[in-house]
Amino acid sequence: MTDERRGDGELRSPSLEEEQSVTEAVPGDGEESSPSPEELSVASDQLLARVQDAERERDKHLDDLRRVAADFDNYRKRVVREQAQILARSGERVVAKLLPVLDDLERALEAAEHHEEAKVLEGVRMTKDALAGVLASEGVEEIATEGPFDPHVHEALMIQPAEGVEPGHVVQVVQRGYRIGDAVLRPARVVVAEEE
């Protein structure tokens, strides 16, 4: 059965009753007959079962998607929490390493109160070495200042003529610089020999 045009020009599909009446009205060779009500009922039940199966399958997939979305959201929150904990713990570790340095400074101050200059000097030297050891254990290195000026790791405070030093080379270190790996924590502040 083909679609028919309604009075307003739109196509409409014929209803089941119309199809049955047309099938009954068209003479055939007797081989094809209209479906019986029982056959229509069985076909309708089969279609309904297929629709219900499809809806169950859809609901199952939607539940799976919701579960995956919830799992991903929980994972994201857990990663953020763990990163915050790692940062806090790394700070705790460095501070714990610095506490003995603080103890050394207190001992040096006590020696200074008793005017024991040799002990004060020795205490300050020990404290400096202890602090340098803590920084080295954290991967902090002093930036080398011998040789030519490197704008990536040096900061030129001034340029001055210098005898016996090649132009463009470091003459004097005003403040030492430090790095961790490739990251510059603080550039070395230097004086550079003047170009001729």
C-alpha atoms as a PDB file:
ATOM      1  CA  MET A   1       0.000   0.000   0.000  1.00  0.00           C
ATOM      2  CA  THR A   2       1.393   3.411  -0.936  1.00  0.00           C
ATOM      3  CA  ASP A   3       1.182   6.634   1.017  1.00  0.00           C
ATOM      4  CA  GLU A   4      -1.667   8.944   0.149  1.00  0.00           C
ATOM      5  CA  ARG A   5      -1.809  12.708   0.088  1.00  0.00           C
ATOM      6  CA  ARG A   6      -4.196  14.391   2.493  1.00  0.00           C
ATOM      7  CA  GLY A   7      -6.229  17.417   1.552  1.00  0.00           C
ATOM      8  CA  ASP A   8      -3.527  19.730   2.949  1.00  0.00           C
ATOM      9  CA  GLY A   9      -0.834  18.184   0.700  1.00  0.00           C
ATOM     10  CA  GLU A  10       0.927  16.145   3.404  1.00  0.00           C
ATOM     11  CA  LEU A  11       1.627  12.474   2.994  1.00  0.00           C
ATOM     12  CA  ARG A  12       0.035  10.047   5.434  1.00  0.00           C
ATOM     13  CA  SER A  13       0.425   6.332   5.868  1.00  0.00           C
ATOM     14  CA  PRO A  14      -2.711   4.229   5.666  1.00  0.00           C
ATOM     15  CA  SER A  15      -4.042   2.726   8.874  1.00  0.00           C
ATOM     16  CA  LEU A  16      -4.083  -1.005   9.573  1.00  0.00           C
ATOM     17  CA  GLU A  17      -7.843  -1.202   8.927  1.00  0.00           C
ATOM     18  CA  GLU A  18      -7.442   0.525   5.556  1.00  0.00           C
ATOM     19  CA  GLU A  19      -4.701  -1.894   4.556  1.00  0.00           C
ATOM     20  CA  GLN A  20      -6.881  -4.857   5.542  1.00  0.00           C
ATOM     21  CA  SER A  21      -9.895  -3.573   3.586  1.00  0.00           C
ATOM     22  CA  VAL A  22      -7.748  -2.962   0.495  1.00  0.00           C
ATOM     23  CA  THR A  23      -6.175  -6.419   0.791  1.00  0.00           C
ATOM     24  CA  GLU A  24      -9.603  -8.024   1.047  1.00  0.00           C
ATOM     25  CA  ALA A  25     -10.982  -5.982  -1.876  1.00  0.00           C
ATOM     26  CA  VAL A  26      -8.118  -6.812  -4.265  1.00  0.00           C
ATOM     27  CA  PRO A  27      -8.717 -10.161  -5.923  1.00  0.00           C
ATOM     28  CA  GLY A  28      -5.658 -12.358  -5.726  1.00  0.00           C
ATOM     29  CA  ASP A  29      -4.588 -15.732  -6.800  1.00  0.00           C
ATOM     30  CA  GLY A  30      -5.553 -17.061  -3.400  1.00  0.00           C
ATOM     31  CA  GLU A  31      -2.017 -17.621  -2.157  1.00  0.00           C
ATOM     32  CA  GLU A  32      -1.739 -14.379  -0.214  1.00  0.00           C
ATOM     33  CA  SER A  33      -4.416 -13.683   2.323  1.00  0.00           C
ATOM     34  CA  SER A  34      -4.772 -11.038   4.973  1.00  0.00           C
ATOM     35  CA  PRO A  35      -3.250 -11.891   8.339  1.00  0.00           C
ATOM     36  CA  SER A  36      -5.627 -13.271  10.878  1.00  0.00           C
ATOM     37  CA  PRO A  37      -6.249 -11.457  14.153  1.00  0.00           C
ATOM     38  CA  GLU A  38      -4.183 -14.110  15.948  1.00  0.00           C
ATOM     39  CA  GLU A  39      -1.248 -13.520  13.587  1.00  0.00           C
ATOM     40  CA  LEU A  40      -1.564  -9.757  14.070  1.00  0.00           C
ATOM     41  CA  SER A  41      -1.665 -10.266  17.826  1.00  0.00           C
ATOM     42  CA  VAL A  42       1.463 -12.463  17.726  1.00  0.00           C
ATOM     43  CA  ALA A  43       3.282  -9.931  15.475  1.00  0.00           C
ATOM     44  CA  SER A  44       2.213  -7.113  17.761  1.00  0.00           C
ATOM     45  CA  ASP A  45       3.443  -9.036  20.820  1.00  0.00           C
ATOM     46  CA  GLN A  46       6.765  -9.725  19.090  1.00  0.00           C
ATOM     47  CA  LEU A  47       7.198  -6.045  18.219  1.00  0.00           C
ATOM     48  CA  LEU A  48       6.309  -5.036  21.759  1.00  0.00           C
ATOM     49  CA  ALA A  49       8.833  -7.553  23.145  1.00  0.00           C
ATOM     50  CA  ARG A  50      11.538  -6.203  20.825  1.00  0.00           C
ATOM     51  CA  VAL A  51      10.788  -2.629  21.909  1.00  0.00           C
ATOM     52  CA  GLN A  52      10.941  -3.654  25.569  1.00  0.00           C
ATOM     53  CA  ASP A  53      14.246  -5.476  24.979  1.00  0.00           C
ATOM     54  CA  ALA A  54      15.645  -2.391  23.244  1.00  0.00           C
ATOM     55  CA  GLU A  55      14.507  -0.180  26.142  1.00  0.00           C
ATOM     56  CA  ARG A  56      16.128  -2.538  28.675  1.00  0.00           C
ATOM     57  CA  GLU A  57      19.343  -2.525  26.640  1.00  0.00           C
ATOM     58  CA  ARG A  58      19.222   1.285  26.448  1.00  0.00           C
ATOM     59  CA  ASP A  59      18.692   1.563  30.215  1.00  0.00           C
ATOM     60  CA  LYS A  60      21.586  -0.830  30.854  1.00  0.00           C
ATOM     61  CA  HIS A  61      23.917   1.226  28.654  1.00  0.00           C
ATOM     62  CA  LEU A  62      22.781   4.478  30.280  1.00  0.00           C
ATOM     63  CA  ASP A  63      23.464   2.990  33.723  1.00  0.00           C
ATOM     64  CA  ASP A  64      26.914   1.890  32.535  1.00  0.00           C
ATOM     65  CA  LEU A  65      27.638   5.381  31.215  1.00  0.00           C
ATOM     66  CA  ARG A  66      26.489   6.992  34.465  1.00  0.00           C
ATOM     67  CA  ARG A  67      28.672   4.591  36.440  1.00  0.00           C
ATOM     68  CA  VAL A  68      31.712   5.345  34.256  1.00  0.00           C
ATOM     69  CA  ALA A  69      31.093   9.105  34.584  1.00  0.00           C
ATOM     70  CA  ALA A  70      30.815   8.788  38.376  1.00  0.00           C
ATOM     71  CA  ASP A  71      33.978   6.643  38.522  1.00  0.00           C
ATOM     72  CA  PHE A  72      35.888   9.201  36.434  1.00  0.00           C
ATOM     73  CA  ASP A  73      34.674  12.074  38.621  1.00  0.00           C
ATOM     74  CA  ASN A  74      35.774  10.185  41.763  1.00  0.00           C
ATOM     75  CA  TYR A  75      39.139   9.409  40.136  1.00  0.00           C
ATOM     76  CA  ARG A  76      39.675  13.080  39.244  1.00  0.00           C
ATOM     77  CA  LYS A  77      38.868  14.178  42.807  1.00  0.00           C
ATOM     78  CA  ARG A  78      41.174  11.499  44.250  1.00  0.00           C
ATOM     79  CA  VAL A  79      44.068  12.614  42.013  1.00  0.00           C
ATOM     80  CA  VAL A  80      43.623  16.249  43.106  1.00  0.00           C
ATOM     81  CA  ARG A  81      43.572  15.159  46.779  1.00  0.00           C
ATOM     82  CA  GLU A  82      46.674  12.994  46.341  1.00  0.00           C
ATOM     83  CA  GLN A  83      48.575  15.801  44.600  1.00  0.00           C
ATOM     84  CA  ALA A  84      47.765  18.159  47.471  1.00  0.00           C
ATOM     85  CA  GLN A  85      48.953  15.530  49.974  1.00  0.00           C
ATOM     86  CA  ILE A  86      52.183  14.955  48.045  1.00  0.00           C
ATOM     87  CA  LEU A  87      52.911  18.688  47.989  1.00  0.00           C
ATOM     88  CA  ALA A  88      52.216  18.972  51.724  1.00  0.00           C
ATOM     89  CA  ARG A  89      54.417  15.976  52.508  1.00  0.00           C
ATOM     90  CA  SER A  90      57.291  17.240  50.354  1.00  0.00           C
ATOM     91  CA  GLY A  91      57.176  20.525  52.247  1.00  0.00           C
ATOM     92  CA  GLU A  92      57.167  18.635  55.555  1.00  0.00           C
ATOM     93  CA  ARG A  93      60.186  16.604  54.471  1.00  0.00           C
ATOM     94  CA  VAL A  94      62.247  19.700  53.589  1.00  0.00           C
ATOM     95  CA  VAL A  95      61.259  21.479  56.805  1.00  0.00           C
ATOM     96  CA  ALA A  96      62.218  18.395  58.858  1.00  0.00           C
ATOM     97  CA  LYS A  97      65.656  18.459  57.191  1.00  0.00           C
ATOM     98  CA  LEU A  98      66.039  22.173  58.011  1.00  0.00           C
ATOM     99  CA  LEU A  99      65.306  21.796  61.748  1.00  0.00           C
ATOM    100  CA  PRO A 100      68.874  20.646  62.579  1.00  0.00           C
ATOM    101  CA  VAL A 101      70.158  23.755  60.774  1.00  0.00           C
ATOM    102  CA  LEU A 102      67.983  25.854  63.086  1.00  0.00           C
ATOM    103  CA  ASP A 103      69.464  23.994  66.064  1.00  0.00           C
ATOM    104  CA  ASP A 104      72.984  24.816  64.835  1.00  0.00           C
ATOM    105  CA  LEU A 105      72.080  28.509  64.564  1.00  0.00           C
ATOM    106  CA  GLU A 106      70.776  28.488  68.137  1.00  0.00           C
ATOM    107  CA  ARG A 107      74.037  26.942  69.370  1.00  0.00           C
ATOM    108  CA  ALA A 108      76.036  29.583  67.451  1.00  0.00           C
ATOM    109  CA  LEU A 109      73.977  32.354  69.060  1.00  0.00           C
ATOM    110  CA  GLU A 110      74.527  30.859  72.527  1.00  0.00           C
ATOM    111  CA  ALA A 111      78.285  30.815  71.881  1.00  0.00           C
ATOM    112  CA  ALA A 112      78.117  34.457  70.718  1.00  0.00           C
ATOM    113  CA  GLU A 113      76.495  35.452  74.023  1.00  0.00           C
ATOM    114  CA  HIS A 114      79.512  34.041  75.876  1.00  0.00           C
ATOM    115  CA  HIS A 115      81.900  35.893  73.526  1.00  0.00           C
ATOM    116  CA  GLU A 116      83.539  32.721  72.294  1.00  0.00           C
ATOM    117  CA  GLU A 117      84.399  34.052  68.842  1.00  0.00           C
ATOM    118  CA  ALA A 118      86.136  30.897  67.640  1.00  0.00           C
ATOM    119  CA  LYS A 119      83.070  28.819  68.553  1.00  0.00           C
ATOM    120  CA  VAL A 120      80.731  31.333  66.919  1.00  0.00           C
ATOM    121  CA  LEU A 121      82.714  31.219  63.692  1.00  0.00           C
ATOM    122  CA  GLU A 122      82.860  27.430  63.788  1.00  0.00           C
ATOM    123  CA  GLY A 123      79.098  27.218  64.533  1.00  0.00           C
ATOM    124  CA  VAL A 124      78.198  29.522  61.653  1.00  0.00           C
ATOM    125  CA  ARG A 125      80.449  27.555  59.303  1.00  0.00           C
ATOM    126  CA  MET A 126      78.842  24.267  60.430  1.00  0.00           C
ATOM    127  CA  THR A 127      75.378  25.748  59.966  1.00  0.00           C
ATOM    128  CA  LYS A 128      76.213  26.918  56.452  1.00  0.00           C
ATOM    129  CA  ASP A 129      77.576  23.453  55.574  1.00  0.00           C
ATOM    130  CA  ALA A 130      74.480  21.769  57.049  1.00  0.00           C
ATOM    131  CA  LEU A 131      72.165  24.021  55.062  1.00  0.00           C
ATOM    132  CA  ALA A 132      74.157  23.421  51.855  1.00  0.00           C
ATOM    133  CA  GLY A 133      73.888  19.669  52.517  1.00  0.00           C
ATOM    134  CA  VAL A 134      70.090  19.861  52.912  1.00  0.00           C
ATOM    135  CA  LEU A 135      69.757  21.860  49.685  1.00  0.00           C
ATOM    136  CA  ALA A 136      72.040  19.443  47.810  1.00  0.00           C
ATOM    137  CA  SER A 137      69.939  16.491  49.018  1.00  0.00           C
ATOM    138  CA  GLU A 138      66.922  18.221  47.450  1.00  0.00           C
ATOM    139  CA  GLY A 139      68.733  18.569  44.121  1.00  0.00           C
ATOM    140  CA  VAL A 140      69.740  22.233  44.488  1.00  0.00           C
ATOM    141  CA  GLU A 141      73.032  23.077  42.748  1.00  0.00           C
ATOM    142  CA  GLU A 142      75.049  26.272  42.650  1.00  0.00           C
ATOM    143  CA  ILE A 143      75.246  27.862  39.195  1.00  0.00           C
ATOM    144  CA  ALA A 144      78.796  27.947  37.827  1.00  0.00           C
ATOM    145  CA  THR A 145      80.117  31.468  37.275  1.00  0.00           C
ATOM    146  CA  GLU A 146      83.550  30.823  35.752  1.00  0.00           C
ATOM    147  CA  GLY A 147      83.898  31.627  32.089  1.00  0.00           C
ATOM    148  CA  PRO A 148      81.685  33.568  29.696  1.00  0.00           C
ATOM    149  CA  PHE A 149      78.508  35.358  30.727  1.00  0.00           C
ATOM    150  CA  ASP A 150      75.359  33.238  30.109  1.00  0.00           C
ATOM    151  CA  PRO A 151      72.113  35.252  30.136  1.00  0.00           C
ATOM    152  CA  HIS A 152      70.121  32.072  30.850  1.00  0.00           C
ATOM    153  CA  VAL A 153      71.696  31.593  34.279  1.00  0.00           C
ATOM    154  CA  HIS A 154      73.482  34.896  35.000  1.00  0.00           C
ATOM    155  CA  GLU A 155      72.204  38.391  35.681  1.00  0.00           C
ATOM    156  CA  ALA A 156      74.656  41.162  34.802  1.00  0.00           C
ATOM    157  CA  LEU A 157      74.616  43.923  37.415  1.00  0.00           C
ATOM    158  CA  MET A 158      77.331  45.971  35.726  1.00  0.00           C
ATOM    159  CA  ILE A 159      80.015  45.898  33.062  1.00  0.00           C
ATOM    160  CA  GLN A 160      83.504  47.100  33.863  1.00  0.00           C
ATOM    161  CA  PRO A 161      86.964  46.922  32.354  1.00  0.00           C
ATOM    162  CA  ALA A 162      89.066  44.141  33.850  1.00  0.00           C
ATOM    163  CA  GLU A 163      92.713  43.298  33.214  1.00  0.00           C
ATOM    164  CA  GLY A 164      93.545  39.669  32.597  1.00  0.00           C
ATOM    165  CA  VAL A 165      89.888  38.713  31.971  1.00  0.00           C
ATOM    166  CA  GLU A 166      88.492  38.119  28.511  1.00  0.00           C
ATOM    167  CA  PRO A 167      85.740  40.530  27.430  1.00  0.00           C
ATOM    168  CA  GLY A 168      82.258  39.103  28.047  1.00  0.00           C
ATOM    169  CA  HIS A 169      83.487  36.865  30.876  1.00  0.00           C
ATOM    170  CA  VAL A 170      82.442  37.030  34.534  1.00  0.00           C
ATOM    171  CA  VAL A 171      84.755  39.200  36.630  1.00  0.00           C
ATOM    172  CA  GLN A 172      83.074  38.989  40.019  1.00  0.00           C
ATOM    173  CA  VAL A 173      80.100  37.186  41.654  1.00  0.00           C
ATOM    174  CA  VAL A 174      77.907  39.531  43.698  1.00  0.00           C
ATOM    175  CA  GLN A 175      75.280  36.916  44.641  1.00  0.00           C
ATOM    176  CA  ARG A 176      75.406  33.181  43.973  1.00  0.00           C
ATOM    177  CA  GLY A 177      72.720  31.588  41.839  1.00  0.00           C
ATOM    178  CA  TYR A 178      71.032  28.198  42.262  1.00  0.00           C
ATOM    179  CA  ARG A 179      69.152  25.706  40.112  1.00  0.00           C
ATOM    180  CA  ILE A 180      67.237  22.440  40.451  1.00  0.00           C
ATOM    181  CA  GLY A 181      67.880  20.395  37.350  1.00  0.00           C
ATOM    182  CA  ASP A 182      67.214  22.711  34.397  1.00  0.00           C
ATOM    183  CA  ALA A 183      65.039  25.131  36.411  1.00  0.00           C
ATOM    184  CA  VAL A 184      66.825  28.275  37.605  1.00  0.00           C
ATOM    185  CA  LEU A 185      65.737  29.130  41.156  1.00  0.00           C
ATOM    186  CA  ARG A 186      67.775  32.328  41.203  1.00  0.00           C
ATOM    187  CA  PRO A 187      70.244  33.572  38.586  1.00  0.00           C
ATOM    188  CA  ALA A 188      73.793  34.364  39.672  1.00  0.00           C
ATOM    189  CA  ARG A 189      74.279  38.140  39.921  1.00  0.00           C
ATOM    190  CA  VAL A 190      77.623  38.979  38.368  1.00  0.00           C
ATOM    191  CA  VAL A 191      79.908  41.712  37.077  1.00  0.00           C
ATOM    192  CA  VAL A 192      80.993  41.196  33.459  1.00  0.00           C
ATOM    193  CA  ALA A 193      84.231  42.261  31.775  1.00  0.00           C
ATOM    194  CA  GLU A 194      83.723  45.092  29.309  1.00  0.00           C
ATOM    195  CA  GLU A 195      84.095  44.493  25.575  1.00  0.00           C
ATOM    196  CA  GLU A 196      87.003  46.349  23.990  1.00  0.00           C
END
